[in-house]
Amino acid sequence: MPGSTAPDGRRLRPPSIPPPPPPPGQGERLASWGMTRYARWREAIAGLVIMVGLAAPLVGWYRERASWVIVACIIGPTWLLLLYGFPPRSISVGRDWLRVRSTRADDWVRTDQLAKLSLEVRVTGGRYLAMEDRDGRTLRVDLSELSENPHVVELFLSAVRRARSRGLAMNKGTAKELGFLP
């Protein structure tokens, strides 16, 4: 299959969720990125290992069977809640649009008609771009996921440049994060 191998011959893993199709009447999809099943489970197992590592002193200090049961009853549901809270995502971009799909949402914005673009920095360390276009559609995308594919970033930034020429205002932090300021 030519579509499942990289130019250097490596086998490509399919994304967990297929890339979203173009919004109706908005042109073709030019680039996409999707979280693979391997990456999703690698993140999930790493989170579980971290939770067990943080809880190990609790179990080691008490060395009672009840402490193991308590820790398992806390870690198990918490891990499942994290799996639900962070669903796999895929991103598609066209000349004038950006679309993000997860297992629970499928949203898109016209990137050439952005009215608002702001950077949200969370306490957990996540950085998100919150976007709103002139038609009122909103989208929030994780900046690290957006930058996974260089073609996606290039197309997105060119659309933001076009939107800035049409009057999009953004604060200095957002402009600096996107590389518009030195």
C-alpha atoms as a PDB file:
ATOM      1  CA  MET A   1       0.000   0.000   0.000  1.00  0.00           C
ATOM      2  CA  PRO A   2       1.664   3.236  -1.038  1.00  0.00           C
ATOM      3  CA  GLY A   3      -0.461   5.310   1.363  1.00  0.00           C
ATOM      4  CA  SER A   4       0.772   3.419   4.418  1.00  0.00           C
ATOM      5  CA  THR A   5       4.521   3.905   3.963  1.00  0.00           C
ATOM      6  CA  ALA A   6       6.682   6.983   4.442  1.00  0.00           C
ATOM      7  CA  PRO A   7       9.037   8.193   1.691  1.00  0.00           C
ATOM      8  CA  ASP A   8      11.962   6.598   3.542  1.00  0.00           C
ATOM      9  CA  GLY A   9      10.218   3.196   3.579  1.00  0.00           C
ATOM     10  CA  ARG A  10       9.012   3.220   7.199  1.00  0.00           C
ATOM     11  CA  ARG A  11       5.531   1.874   7.864  1.00  0.00           C
ATOM     12  CA  LEU A  12       3.074   4.583   8.913  1.00  0.00           C
ATOM     13  CA  ARG A  13       0.582   3.875  11.663  1.00  0.00           C
ATOM     14  CA  PRO A  14      -3.006   4.874  10.938  1.00  0.00           C
ATOM     15  CA  PRO A  15      -4.610   7.508  13.184  1.00  0.00           C
ATOM     16  CA  SER A  16      -7.133   6.505  15.841  1.00  0.00           C
ATOM     17  CA  ILE A  17      -9.723   8.753  14.234  1.00  0.00           C
ATOM     18  CA  PRO A  18      -9.687   9.340  10.482  1.00  0.00           C
ATOM     19  CA  PRO A  19      -8.851  12.924   9.516  1.00  0.00           C
ATOM     20  CA  PRO A  20     -11.966  15.053   9.250  1.00  0.00           C
ATOM     21  CA  PRO A  21     -13.227  15.784   5.756  1.00  0.00           C
ATOM     22  CA  PRO A  22     -13.419  19.357   4.488  1.00  0.00           C
ATOM     23  CA  PRO A  23     -16.403  21.363   5.690  1.00  0.00           C
ATOM     24  CA  PRO A  24     -19.137  21.564   3.034  1.00  0.00           C
ATOM     25  CA  GLY A  25     -18.232  24.021   0.301  1.00  0.00           C
ATOM     26  CA  GLN A  26     -14.834  25.007   1.774  1.00  0.00           C
ATOM     27  CA  GLY A  27     -12.358  23.442  -0.625  1.00  0.00           C
ATOM     28  CA  GLU A  28     -10.090  20.452  -0.316  1.00  0.00           C
ATOM     29  CA  ARG A  29      -8.078  19.172   2.650  1.00  0.00           C
ATOM     30  CA  LEU A  30      -4.437  20.096   2.128  1.00  0.00           C
ATOM     31  CA  ALA A  31      -2.850  18.559   5.242  1.00  0.00           C
ATOM     32  CA  SER A  32      -3.872  16.571   8.300  1.00  0.00           C
ATOM     33  CA  TRP A  33      -2.558  15.114  11.509  1.00  0.00           C
ATOM     34  CA  GLY A  34      -4.047  12.396  13.701  1.00  0.00           C
ATOM     35  CA  MET A  35      -3.075  10.803  16.982  1.00  0.00           C
ATOM     36  CA  THR A  36      -2.235   7.144  16.351  1.00  0.00           C
ATOM     37  CA  ARG A  37      -3.481   4.330  18.547  1.00  0.00           C
ATOM     38  CA  TYR A  38       0.110   3.658  19.547  1.00  0.00           C
ATOM     39  CA  ALA A  39       0.636   7.251  20.687  1.00  0.00           C
ATOM     40  CA  ARG A  40      -2.689   7.263  22.534  1.00  0.00           C
ATOM     41  CA  TRP A  41      -1.892   4.106  24.473  1.00  0.00           C
ATOM     42  CA  ARG A  42       1.678   5.253  25.102  1.00  0.00           C
ATOM     43  CA  GLU A  43       0.278   8.398  26.742  1.00  0.00           C
ATOM     44  CA  ALA A  44      -2.275   6.375  28.701  1.00  0.00           C
ATOM     45  CA  ILE A  45       0.300   3.875  30.007  1.00  0.00           C
ATOM     46  CA  ALA A  46       2.717   6.703  30.890  1.00  0.00           C
ATOM     47  CA  GLY A  47      -0.048   8.386  32.898  1.00  0.00           C
ATOM     48  CA  LEU A  48      -0.806   5.122  34.681  1.00  0.00           C
ATOM     49  CA  VAL A  49       2.882   4.590  35.499  1.00  0.00           C
ATOM     50  CA  ILE A  50       3.114   8.115  36.905  1.00  0.00           C
ATOM     51  CA  MET A  51       0.022   7.605  39.063  1.00  0.00           C
ATOM     52  CA  VAL A  52       1.325   4.282  40.381  1.00  0.00           C
ATOM     53  CA  GLY A  53       4.738   5.866  41.026  1.00  0.00           C
ATOM     54  CA  LEU A  54       3.153   8.661  43.026  1.00  0.00           C
ATOM     55  CA  ALA A  55       1.014   6.208  44.994  1.00  0.00           C
ATOM     56  CA  ALA A  56       3.828   3.685  45.654  1.00  0.00           C
ATOM     57  CA  PRO A  57       5.083   5.441  48.799  1.00  0.00           C
ATOM     58  CA  LEU A  58       1.576   5.282  50.231  1.00  0.00           C
ATOM     59  CA  VAL A  59       1.435   1.530  49.702  1.00  0.00           C
ATOM     60  CA  GLY A  60       5.028   1.073  50.874  1.00  0.00           C
ATOM     61  CA  TRP A  61       4.519   2.998  54.087  1.00  0.00           C
ATOM     62  CA  TYR A  62       1.529   1.017  55.285  1.00  0.00           C
ATOM     63  CA  ARG A  63       2.286  -2.393  53.795  1.00  0.00           C
ATOM     64  CA  GLU A  64      -1.248  -3.511  54.407  1.00  0.00           C
ATOM     65  CA  ARG A  65      -3.549  -5.227  51.992  1.00  0.00           C
ATOM     66  CA  ALA A  66      -6.157  -2.511  52.541  1.00  0.00           C
ATOM     67  CA  SER A  67      -3.736   0.156  51.304  1.00  0.00           C
ATOM     68  CA  TRP A  68      -3.325  -1.722  47.998  1.00  0.00           C
ATOM     69  CA  VAL A  69      -7.091  -1.960  47.604  1.00  0.00           C
ATOM     70  CA  ILE A  70      -7.538   1.737  48.403  1.00  0.00           C
ATOM     71  CA  VAL A  71      -4.849   2.772  45.927  1.00  0.00           C
ATOM     72  CA  ALA A  72      -6.306   0.507  43.200  1.00  0.00           C
ATOM     73  CA  CYS A  73      -9.785   1.945  43.829  1.00  0.00           C
ATOM     74  CA  ILE A  74      -8.390   5.465  43.462  1.00  0.00           C
ATOM     75  CA  ILE A  75      -6.020   4.928  40.523  1.00  0.00           C
ATOM     76  CA  GLY A  76      -8.326   2.767  38.370  1.00  0.00           C
ATOM     77  CA  PRO A  77     -11.264   5.196  38.110  1.00  0.00           C
ATOM     78  CA  THR A  78      -8.935   8.194  37.884  1.00  0.00           C
ATOM     79  CA  TRP A  79      -7.091   6.618  34.965  1.00  0.00           C
ATOM     80  CA  LEU A  80     -10.362   5.789  33.210  1.00  0.00           C
ATOM     81  CA  LEU A  81     -11.551   9.366  33.789  1.00  0.00           C
ATOM     82  CA  LEU A  82      -8.335  10.672  32.206  1.00  0.00           C
ATOM     83  CA  LEU A  83      -8.884   8.416  29.184  1.00  0.00           C
ATOM     84  CA  TYR A  84     -12.351   9.898  28.816  1.00  0.00           C
ATOM     85  CA  GLY A  85     -11.179  13.465  29.454  1.00  0.00           C
ATOM     86  CA  PHE A  86      -8.472  13.382  26.792  1.00  0.00           C
ATOM     87  CA  PRO A  87      -9.969  11.701  23.718  1.00  0.00           C
ATOM     88  CA  PRO A  88      -7.931  11.012  20.575  1.00  0.00           C
ATOM     89  CA  ARG A  89      -8.029  13.860  18.084  1.00  0.00           C
ATOM     90  CA  SER A  90      -7.280  14.540  14.463  1.00  0.00           C
ATOM     91  CA  ILE A  91      -6.749  17.855  12.700  1.00  0.00           C
ATOM     92  CA  SER A  92      -7.329  18.797   9.067  1.00  0.00           C
ATOM     93  CA  VAL A  93      -6.507  22.080   7.405  1.00  0.00           C
ATOM     94  CA  GLY A  94      -7.391  23.592   4.073  1.00  0.00           C
ATOM     95  CA  ARG A  95      -6.517  26.873   2.466  1.00  0.00           C
ATOM     96  CA  ASP A  96      -9.069  28.827   4.531  1.00  0.00           C
ATOM     97  CA  TRP A  97     -10.305  26.462   7.234  1.00  0.00           C
ATOM     98  CA  LEU A  98      -9.160  24.363  10.210  1.00  0.00           C
ATOM     99  CA  ARG A  99     -11.149  21.406  11.531  1.00  0.00           C
ATOM    100  CA  VAL A 100     -10.571  19.357  14.695  1.00  0.00           C
ATOM    101  CA  ARG A 101     -12.360  16.071  15.324  1.00  0.00           C
ATOM    102  CA  SER A 102     -12.387  13.945  18.455  1.00  0.00           C
ATOM    103  CA  THR A 103     -14.646  11.147  19.616  1.00  0.00           C
ATOM    104  CA  ARG A 104     -16.988  13.745  21.160  1.00  0.00           C
ATOM    105  CA  ALA A 105     -16.711  16.877  18.997  1.00  0.00           C
ATOM    106  CA  ASP A 106     -16.218  17.933  15.403  1.00  0.00           C
ATOM    107  CA  ASP A 107     -15.680  21.688  15.112  1.00  0.00           C
ATOM    108  CA  TRP A 108     -14.189  23.960  12.477  1.00  0.00           C
ATOM    109  CA  VAL A 109     -13.465  27.634  11.809  1.00  0.00           C
ATOM    110  CA  ARG A 110     -12.709  29.763   8.760  1.00  0.00           C
ATOM    111  CA  THR A 111      -9.097  30.727   9.428  1.00  0.00           C
ATOM    112  CA  ASP A 112      -9.047  33.505   6.858  1.00  0.00           C
ATOM    113  CA  GLN A 113     -12.013  35.166   8.613  1.00  0.00           C
ATOM    114  CA  LEU A 114     -10.881  34.925  12.223  1.00  0.00           C
ATOM    115  CA  ALA A 115     -12.342  37.573  14.519  1.00  0.00           C
ATOM    116  CA  LYS A 116     -10.569  36.432  17.698  1.00  0.00           C
ATOM    117  CA  LEU A 117      -7.410  34.444  18.252  1.00  0.00           C
ATOM    118  CA  SER A 118      -6.022  34.076  21.733  1.00  0.00           C
ATOM    119  CA  LEU A 119      -3.563  31.855  23.546  1.00  0.00           C
ATOM    120  CA  GLU A 120      -4.778  30.082  26.670  1.00  0.00           C
ATOM    121  CA  VAL A 121      -2.113  28.728  29.010  1.00  0.00           C
ATOM    122  CA  ARG A 122      -3.448  26.221  31.518  1.00  0.00           C
ATOM    123  CA  VAL A 123      -2.037  25.472  34.945  1.00  0.00           C
ATOM    124  CA  THR A 124      -1.408  21.906  33.795  1.00  0.00           C
ATOM    125  CA  GLY A 125       1.027  23.199  31.192  1.00  0.00           C
ATOM    126  CA  GLY A 126      -1.244  22.900  28.186  1.00  0.00           C
ATOM    127  CA  ARG A 127      -1.293  25.722  25.648  1.00  0.00           C
ATOM    128  CA  TYR A 128      -4.429  26.140  23.563  1.00  0.00           C
ATOM    129  CA  LEU A 129      -5.387  28.474  20.757  1.00  0.00           C
ATOM    130  CA  ALA A 130      -8.960  29.697  21.106  1.00  0.00           C
ATOM    131  CA  MET A 131     -10.370  30.867  17.775  1.00  0.00           C
ATOM    132  CA  GLU A 132     -13.604  32.478  16.702  1.00  0.00           C
ATOM    133  CA  ASP A 133     -14.473  33.393  13.143  1.00  0.00           C
ATOM    134  CA  ARG A 134     -16.818  36.110  11.917  1.00  0.00           C
ATOM    135  CA  ASP A 135     -19.693  33.635  11.550  1.00  0.00           C
ATOM    136  CA  GLY A 136     -19.520  32.847  15.289  1.00  0.00           C
ATOM    137  CA  ARG A 137     -17.949  29.372  15.058  1.00  0.00           C
ATOM    138  CA  THR A 138     -15.464  28.694  17.860  1.00  0.00           C
ATOM    139  CA  LEU A 139     -12.656  26.191  18.119  1.00  0.00           C
ATOM    140  CA  ARG A 140     -10.041  25.417  20.727  1.00  0.00           C
ATOM    141  CA  VAL A 141      -6.983  23.451  19.594  1.00  0.00           C
ATOM    142  CA  ASP A 142      -3.967  22.219  21.530  1.00  0.00           C
ATOM    143  CA  LEU A 143      -0.923  24.062  20.230  1.00  0.00           C
ATOM    144  CA  SER A 144       1.350  21.036  20.585  1.00  0.00           C
ATOM    145  CA  GLU A 145      -1.010  18.923  18.457  1.00  0.00           C
ATOM    146  CA  LEU A 146      -1.312  21.684  15.876  1.00  0.00           C
ATOM    147  CA  SER A 147       2.474  21.801  15.533  1.00  0.00           C
ATOM    148  CA  GLU A 148       2.906  18.023  15.101  1.00  0.00           C
ATOM    149  CA  ASN A 149       2.711  18.233  11.307  1.00  0.00           C
ATOM    150  CA  PRO A 150       4.785  21.018   9.670  1.00  0.00           C
ATOM    151  CA  HIS A 151       2.397  21.231   6.709  1.00  0.00           C
ATOM    152  CA  VAL A 152      -0.567  21.818   9.033  1.00  0.00           C
ATOM    153  CA  VAL A 153       1.312  24.609  10.827  1.00  0.00           C
ATOM    154  CA  GLU A 154       2.451  26.234   7.590  1.00  0.00           C
ATOM    155  CA  LEU A 155      -1.068  26.283   6.119  1.00  0.00           C
ATOM    156  CA  PHE A 156      -2.599  27.497   9.384  1.00  0.00           C
ATOM    157  CA  LEU A 157      -0.092  30.336   9.793  1.00  0.00           C
ATOM    158  CA  SER A 158      -0.545  31.477   6.196  1.00  0.00           C
ATOM    159  CA  ALA A 159      -4.306  31.700   6.808  1.00  0.00           C
ATOM    160  CA  VAL A 160      -3.687  33.640  10.034  1.00  0.00           C
ATOM    161  CA  ARG A 161      -1.467  36.051   8.081  1.00  0.00           C
ATOM    162  CA  ARG A 162      -4.328  36.609   5.634  1.00  0.00           C
ATOM    163  CA  ALA A 163      -6.727  37.159   8.529  1.00  0.00           C
ATOM    164  CA  ARG A 164      -4.312  39.678  10.113  1.00  0.00           C
ATOM    165  CA  SER A 165      -4.245  41.617   6.855  1.00  0.00           C
ATOM    166  CA  ARG A 166      -8.056  41.748   7.055  1.00  0.00           C
ATOM    167  CA  GLY A 167      -8.121  43.122  10.596  1.00  0.00           C
ATOM    168  CA  LEU A 168      -7.514  40.240  13.013  1.00  0.00           C
ATOM    169  CA  ALA A 169      -6.018  41.638  16.200  1.00  0.00           C
ATOM    170  CA  MET A 170      -4.131  39.431  18.615  1.00  0.00           C
ATOM    171  CA  ASN A 171      -2.242  40.178  21.791  1.00  0.00           C
ATOM    172  CA  LYS A 172       1.542  40.124  21.983  1.00  0.00           C
ATOM    173  CA  GLY A 173       1.699  36.745  23.726  1.00  0.00           C
ATOM    174  CA  THR A 174      -0.310  35.026  21.021  1.00  0.00           C
ATOM    175  CA  ALA A 175       1.628  36.768  18.244  1.00  0.00           C
ATOM    176  CA  LYS A 176       4.942  35.797  19.823  1.00  0.00           C
ATOM    177  CA  GLU A 177       3.877  32.170  20.319  1.00  0.00           C
ATOM    178  CA  LEU A 178       2.863  31.912  16.658  1.00  0.00           C
ATOM    179  CA  GLY A 179       6.133  33.508  15.484  1.00  0.00           C
ATOM    180  CA  PHE A 180       4.768  36.845  14.324  1.00  0.00           C
ATOM    181  CA  LEU A 181       6.947  38.788  16.798  1.00  0.00           C
ATOM    182  CA  PRO A 182      10.667  38.303  17.486  1.00  0.00           C
END
